[in-house]
Protein backbone atom coordinates (compact mmCIF):
# COMPACT_ATOMS: atom_id res chain seq x y z
CA MET A 1 -19.35 -17.03 -13.44
CA ARG A 2 -18.84 -16.13 -17.23
CA ILE A 3 -16.88 -18.46 -19.49
CA ALA A 4 -14.18 -15.79 -19.99
CA GLU A 5 -13.75 -15.49 -16.25
CA ARG A 6 -13.42 -19.26 -15.80
CA VAL A 7 -10.86 -19.50 -18.65
CA THR A 8 -8.86 -16.70 -17.04
CA ASP A 9 -8.81 -18.47 -13.76
CA LEU A 10 -7.06 -21.45 -15.51
CA ILE A 11 -4.17 -19.31 -16.78
CA SER A 12 -0.98 -19.28 -14.73
CA ASP A 13 -0.04 -16.09 -12.79
CA ASN A 14 3.08 -15.80 -14.96
CA LEU A 15 1.35 -15.86 -18.23
CA TYR A 16 -1.73 -13.80 -16.98
CA LEU A 17 0.51 -11.10 -15.66
CA ARG A 18 2.68 -10.98 -18.70
CA VAL A 19 -0.27 -10.50 -21.00
CA ARG A 20 -1.81 -7.91 -18.70
CA PHE A 21 1.56 -5.97 -18.74
CA ARG A 22 1.57 -6.19 -22.57
CA GLN A 23 -2.04 -4.79 -22.80
CA GLN A 24 -0.96 -1.95 -20.40
CA PHE A 25 2.36 -0.86 -21.70
CA GLY A 26 2.39 -2.20 -25.33
CA TRP A 27 5.51 -4.35 -24.82
CA TRP A 28 6.41 -7.75 -23.34
CA PRO A 29 8.01 -7.77 -19.84
CA ASN A 30 11.34 -9.35 -19.22
CA VAL A 31 10.69 -11.12 -15.93
CA ARG A 32 14.12 -12.75 -15.73
CA ASN A 33 16.12 -9.63 -16.20
CA PRO A 34 13.77 -6.78 -15.38
CA ARG A 35 14.76 -3.26 -16.34
CA SER A 36 11.85 -1.07 -15.49
CA PHE A 37 10.18 -0.53 -12.14
CA ASN A 38 7.02 -2.20 -13.26
CA GLU A 39 8.92 -5.28 -14.51
CA HIS A 40 10.58 -5.50 -11.17
CA LEU A 41 7.21 -5.39 -9.54
CA LEU A 42 5.83 -8.11 -11.74
CA ARG A 43 8.76 -10.27 -10.89
CA TYR A 44 8.55 -9.61 -7.23
CA LYS A 45 4.91 -10.42 -7.22
CA LEU A 46 5.65 -13.81 -8.74
CA SER A 47 8.80 -14.55 -6.52
CA SER A 48 7.49 -13.37 -3.02
CA LYS A 49 4.82 -15.97 -2.58
CA SER A 50 6.77 -17.75 0.16
CA ASP A 51 7.07 -14.69 2.23
CA GLN A 52 4.06 -14.84 4.57
CA ARG A 53 5.11 -11.52 6.16
CA LEU A 54 3.39 -9.75 3.08
CA PRO A 55 -0.26 -10.70 3.90
CA LEU A 56 0.28 -9.89 7.53
CA LEU A 57 1.60 -6.42 6.79
CA ALA A 58 -0.81 -5.64 4.07
CA ASP A 59 -3.75 -6.45 6.59
CA LYS A 60 -4.60 -3.03 8.04
CA ILE A 61 -5.39 -4.54 11.55
CA ALA A 62 -2.82 -7.07 11.88
CA ALA A 63 -0.08 -4.64 10.71
CA LYS A 64 -0.75 -2.38 13.68
CA ALA A 65 0.82 -4.70 16.28
CA ALA A 66 3.83 -5.43 14.14
CA VAL A 67 4.40 -1.86 13.23
CA ALA A 68 4.02 -0.63 16.82
CA GLN A 69 6.77 -3.17 17.88
CA GLN A 70 8.97 -1.80 15.30
CA ILE A 71 8.58 2.07 15.56
CA GLY A 72 6.41 2.55 18.63
CA GLU A 73 2.62 2.62 19.24
CA HIS A 74 2.47 6.43 19.11
CA HIS A 75 3.05 6.26 15.35
CA VAL A 76 -0.09 3.94 14.82
CA ILE A 77 -3.45 5.51 14.21
CA PRO A 78 -5.84 4.12 17.09
CA THR A 79 -8.50 1.81 16.33
CA ILE A 80 -12.05 2.75 17.32
CA TRP A 81 -13.67 -0.44 16.32
CA SER A 82 -13.08 -3.55 14.05
CA GLY A 83 -14.94 -6.64 13.18
CA PRO A 84 -16.06 -9.04 10.37
CA ARG A 85 -19.20 -7.13 9.69
CA LEU A 86 -20.79 -3.91 10.75
CA PRO A 87 -22.41 -4.02 14.43
CA PRO A 88 -26.17 -3.17 14.85
CA ARG A 89 -26.91 0.30 14.05
CA GLY A 90 -27.61 1.18 17.68
CA GLU A 91 -23.91 0.32 18.51
CA ARG A 92 -22.43 2.54 15.86
CA ASN A 93 -21.79 5.54 18.10
CA TRP A 94 -18.42 6.17 16.90
CA PRO A 95 -16.93 9.72 17.60
CA LYS A 96 -16.80 11.91 14.52
CA PRO A 97 -14.83 12.51 12.34
CA TYR A 98 -13.89 8.84 11.54
CA VAL A 99 -13.09 6.79 8.52
CA LEU A 100 -14.55 3.27 8.01
CA LYS A 101 -12.17 0.98 5.98
CA ALA A 102 -11.87 -2.48 4.65
CA THR A 103 -8.81 -4.04 6.08
CA HIS A 104 -8.10 -6.40 3.26
CA ARG A 105 -7.96 -4.20 0.06
CA SER A 106 -6.90 -0.69 -1.09
CA GLY A 107 -9.02 2.22 -1.87
CA ALA A 108 -11.95 1.14 0.37
CA ASN A 109 -12.65 4.04 2.64
CA ILE A 110 -15.68 5.95 3.83
CA PHE A 111 -15.19 9.37 5.45
CA VAL A 112 -17.66 10.60 8.03
CA HIS A 113 -17.21 14.27 8.92
CA ASP A 114 -18.39 16.30 11.85
CA GLY A 115 -22.08 17.05 11.75
CA GLN A 116 -22.62 14.45 9.06
CA VAL A 117 -25.52 12.11 9.22
CA GLU A 118 -24.59 8.78 8.06
CA ASN A 119 -26.61 7.10 5.18
CA TRP A 120 -26.55 3.70 6.74
CA ASP A 121 -28.41 2.09 3.75
CA ALA A 122 -25.68 3.20 1.38
CA ILE A 123 -22.88 2.50 3.82
CA GLU A 124 -24.05 -1.10 4.48
CA ALA A 125 -24.39 -1.80 0.82
CA THR A 126 -20.81 -0.60 0.20
CA CYS A 127 -19.40 -2.66 3.08
CA ALA A 128 -21.38 -5.79 1.96
CA GLU A 129 -19.62 -5.44 -1.49
CA TRP A 130 -16.24 -4.97 0.10
CA LEU A 131 -16.81 -8.15 2.23
CA SER A 132 -18.32 -10.25 -0.40
CA ALA A 133 -15.01 -11.69 -1.74
CA PRO A 134 -11.31 -11.63 -1.26
CA PHE A 135 -9.42 -8.75 -2.84
CA GLY A 136 -6.53 -9.22 -5.18
CA VAL A 137 -7.56 -12.31 -6.97
CA LYS A 138 -8.45 -10.68 -10.35
CA GLY A 139 -5.11 -8.71 -10.23
CA ARG A 140 -3.13 -11.68 -8.89
CA GLU A 141 -1.99 -9.82 -5.83
CA TRP A 142 -1.65 -13.05 -3.81
CA HIS A 143 -0.99 -11.33 -0.59
CA TYR A 144 -4.27 -9.37 -0.47
CA ALA A 145 -6.14 -12.47 -1.62
CA LYS A 146 -5.01 -14.30 1.64
CA ILE A 147 -6.32 -11.66 3.99
CA ALA A 148 -9.67 -12.43 5.75
CA PRO A 149 -12.17 -9.48 4.84
CA ARG A 150 -12.74 -7.21 7.82
CA LEU A 151 -13.94 -3.66 8.69
CA LEU A 152 -12.09 -1.03 10.64
CA VAL A 153 -12.95 2.32 12.07
CA GLU A 154 -10.26 4.97 12.85
CA PRO A 155 -10.38 8.69 13.81
CA CYS A 156 -9.73 11.03 11.00
CA ILE A 157 -6.26 12.76 11.41
CA GLY A 158 -5.41 16.11 10.19
CA PRO A 159 -7.31 19.35 9.77
CA PRO A 160 -11.11 18.97 9.78
CA GLY A 161 -12.33 17.95 6.15
CA THR A 162 -8.83 18.00 4.77
CA PRO A 163 -6.99 14.75 4.56
CA PRO A 164 -3.30 14.90 5.16
CA HIS A 165 -0.87 14.44 2.20
CA ASP A 166 0.01 10.89 1.44
CA ILE A 167 3.79 10.42 1.82
CA LYS A 168 4.79 7.19 -0.04
CA ILE A 169 8.44 6.34 0.49
CA PHE A 170 9.65 3.76 -2.05
CA CYS A 171 12.36 1.56 -0.40
CA PHE A 172 14.52 -0.80 -2.38
CA HIS A 173 16.35 -3.51 -0.27
CA GLY A 174 15.59 -1.62 2.94
CA LYS A 175 16.78 1.86 1.75
CA ALA A 176 14.62 4.87 0.99
CA HIS A 177 15.11 6.00 -2.69
CA VAL A 178 11.99 7.99 -3.67
CA ILE A 179 9.54 10.06 -1.73
CA ASN A 180 6.20 10.45 -3.49
CA ILE A 181 3.96 13.21 -2.04
CA ILE A 182 0.30 13.07 -3.03
CA GLN A 183 -1.80 16.17 -2.30
CA ASP A 184 -5.56 16.52 -2.36
CA ARG A 185 -6.24 12.88 -3.03
CA PHE A 186 -10.10 13.42 -3.17
CA GLY A 187 -10.02 16.61 -5.24
CA GLU A 188 -7.57 17.81 -7.94
CA THR A 189 -4.84 15.45 -7.11
CA LYS A 190 -1.27 16.43 -7.64
CA ALA A 191 1.83 14.32 -7.00
CA TYR A 192 5.57 15.04 -6.79
CA SER A 193 8.41 12.57 -6.71
CA PHE A 194 11.70 13.50 -4.83
CA ASP A 195 14.91 11.71 -4.02
CA THR A 196 16.01 11.53 -0.26
CA ASN A 197 17.74 14.97 -0.68
CA TRP A 198 14.47 16.60 -1.75
CA ASN A 199 15.58 17.02 -5.38
CA LEU A 200 12.51 16.83 -7.72
CA LEU A 201 12.75 13.77 -9.93
CA PRO A 202 12.17 14.33 -13.76
CA PHE A 203 8.98 12.36 -14.04
CA ASP A 204 5.34 12.19 -12.85
CA PHE A 205 4.02 8.92 -11.45
CA ILE A 206 0.43 8.24 -12.08
CA LYS A 207 -0.79 11.85 -11.23
CA LYS A 208 0.73 14.97 -12.58
CA ARG A 209 2.48 17.59 -10.49
CA GLY A 210 1.22 21.11 -9.90
CA PRO A 211 2.96 24.54 -10.23
CA GLU A 212 4.01 24.91 -6.66
CA VAL A 213 6.55 22.38 -5.45
CA PRO A 214 6.18 21.61 -1.73
CA PRO A 215 9.06 22.26 0.46
CA PRO A 216 10.68 19.44 2.39
CA PRO A 217 9.04 18.90 5.82
CA ALA A 218 11.14 19.75 8.82
CA ASN A 219 11.16 16.09 10.04
CA VAL A 220 12.07 14.60 6.51
CA GLN A 221 14.87 12.60 8.04
CA ASP A 222 12.48 11.17 10.66
CA LEU A 223 10.14 10.16 7.87
CA ILE A 224 13.17 8.28 6.05
CA ARG A 225 14.28 6.69 9.25
CA ILE A 226 10.79 5.31 9.95
CA ALA A 227 10.40 4.05 6.46
CA GLU A 228 13.74 2.28 6.41
CA ALA A 229 13.05 0.68 9.84
CA LEU A 230 9.79 -0.82 8.47
CA ALA A 231 11.41 -1.78 5.10
CA HIS A 232 14.31 -3.61 6.49
CA GLY A 233 14.61 -7.07 5.11
CA PHE A 234 12.36 -6.50 2.21
CA GLU A 235 13.40 -6.24 -1.42
CA TYR A 236 10.78 -3.66 -2.05
CA VAL A 237 7.96 -1.92 -0.17
CA SER A 238 6.35 1.52 -0.29
CA VAL A 239 5.98 2.74 3.24
CA ASP A 240 2.99 5.01 3.38
CA LEU A 241 2.97 7.64 6.10
CA TYR A 242 1.20 10.76 7.16
CA ASN A 243 2.74 13.84 8.72
CA VAL A 244 0.42 15.88 10.85
CA ASP A 245 1.90 18.76 12.84
CA ASP A 246 5.32 17.08 12.58
CA HIS A 247 3.80 13.91 14.04
CA ILE A 248 4.35 10.97 11.90
CA TYR A 249 1.59 8.20 11.55
CA PHE A 250 1.86 4.97 9.74
CA GLY A 251 -0.58 4.42 6.96
CA GLU A 252 0.22 1.11 5.36
CA MET A 253 2.74 -1.00 3.56
CA THR A 254 2.32 -1.44 -0.13
CA PHE A 255 4.25 -4.22 -1.83
CA THR A 256 2.82 -4.05 -5.28
CA THR A 257 2.45 -0.33 -5.95
CA ALA A 258 -0.39 0.37 -8.48
CA ASN A 259 -0.41 -3.45 -8.98
CA GLY A 260 2.67 -2.92 -11.25
CA THR A 261 0.80 -0.92 -13.80
CA GLY A 262 1.49 2.52 -12.63
CA GLN A 263 2.20 5.04 -15.60
CA PHE A 264 5.21 7.31 -15.58
CA HIS A 265 5.37 10.55 -17.60
CA PRO A 266 7.73 10.30 -19.41
CA PRO A 267 8.16 6.55 -19.38
CA SER A 268 11.87 6.95 -18.79
CA GLY A 269 10.98 7.34 -15.09
CA ASP A 270 9.95 3.69 -15.12
CA PHE A 271 13.37 2.61 -16.18
CA MET A 272 15.05 5.20 -13.80
CA LEU A 273 13.50 3.57 -10.81
CA GLY A 274 14.20 0.15 -12.17
CA GLN A 275 17.92 1.04 -12.29
CA LEU A 276 17.62 2.17 -8.63
CA TRP A 277 16.05 -1.11 -7.70
CA LYS A 278 18.79 -3.12 -9.48
CA GLN A 279 21.62 -1.01 -8.16
CA SER A 280 20.26 -1.25 -4.44
CA ALA A 281 20.46 -4.97 -4.59
CA ALA A 282 24.30 -4.97 -3.95
CA GLY A 283 25.05 -6.42 -0.55
CA PHE A 284 21.26 -7.13 0.18
CA SER A 285 20.46 -10.60 1.49
CA SER A 286 16.90 -11.51 2.27
CA SER A 287 18.33 -14.21 4.58
CA GLY A 288 19.96 -11.55 6.68
CA ASN A 289 18.69 -9.79 9.88
CA ALA A 290 15.10 -9.29 8.50
CA PRO A 291 12.81 -8.54 11.40
CA GLN A 292 10.02 -10.84 12.28
CA PHE A 293 7.26 -8.03 12.76
CA ALA A 294 5.55 -9.98 15.58
CA TYR A 295 4.85 -12.67 13.07
CA SER A 296 3.46 -14.95 15.74
CA VAL A 297 0.38 -12.66 15.89
CA ALA A 298 -0.97 -14.27 12.75
CA GLU A 299 1.35 -17.19 11.84
CA GLU A 300 -1.23 -19.79 11.69
CA ARG A 301 -3.76 -17.64 9.84
CA TYR A 302 -1.41 -16.78 7.04
CA ALA A 303 0.11 -20.22 6.53
CA ALA A 304 0.22 -21.09 2.86
CA PRO A 305 -2.44 -23.70 1.99
CA GLY A 306 -0.60 -27.00 1.53
CA GLY A 307 2.72 -25.79 3.09
């Protein structure tokens, strides 16, 4: 390990994240009285460490049982295979098309299409890299760092060769406030942010919008209902869903969107969402009727070291 990395490891999460925020945005965050969305995320990252539901629900395998209990198994993408390492090549007879994922990190996907011949040398090298170390340590995303690295194979959903749109519903204190639609995530990606009445919001988040604004899906109220069912009892979560032929599939639950460094264009959008976060806190109590999400499935595994 290089000297700089060793020194970084000695810096507290609070200081490290504040300096990182300053480098990203050019100003120091106010953690005690956050005003922007990204400031709220930084504070939430620091204050949520006692909530052991977060690593459970960020684990792409463990979350399935918990989510099925809340909204029904028919909303959960089936598992073809899972394990701590790839099985022998002769056992990898998975029906195509499929996607191979790392369960403990974001953005770790390999898509295998119909008729495609797998390059197992390359796939094995990629999987070895994914599994080599916990994810989230460098970015101080504590809940990812607590997840044991594993692999997962699922069937591809949606039209062949075309991934469905990502639907990310930002929920503050259990209520949906923003619906972020991401189109063509592996090509010329475009993104649109709406309120729950499908009014286009006056900012772009991370990716820019395109010229054609997508209409609301026919089942938009079902998307909101499912997101709020999963978000109940949490100060913040992005509930990520897919909508395929009006059938809603659960994707994942993201508690630290873009690791608290997502860029808004214009920057006023950051403060607009921060105000929504603050306003939504009225009447919320994290000690209320928060669901347990089948917590016993992984209670011992996700127990915090040292209590």
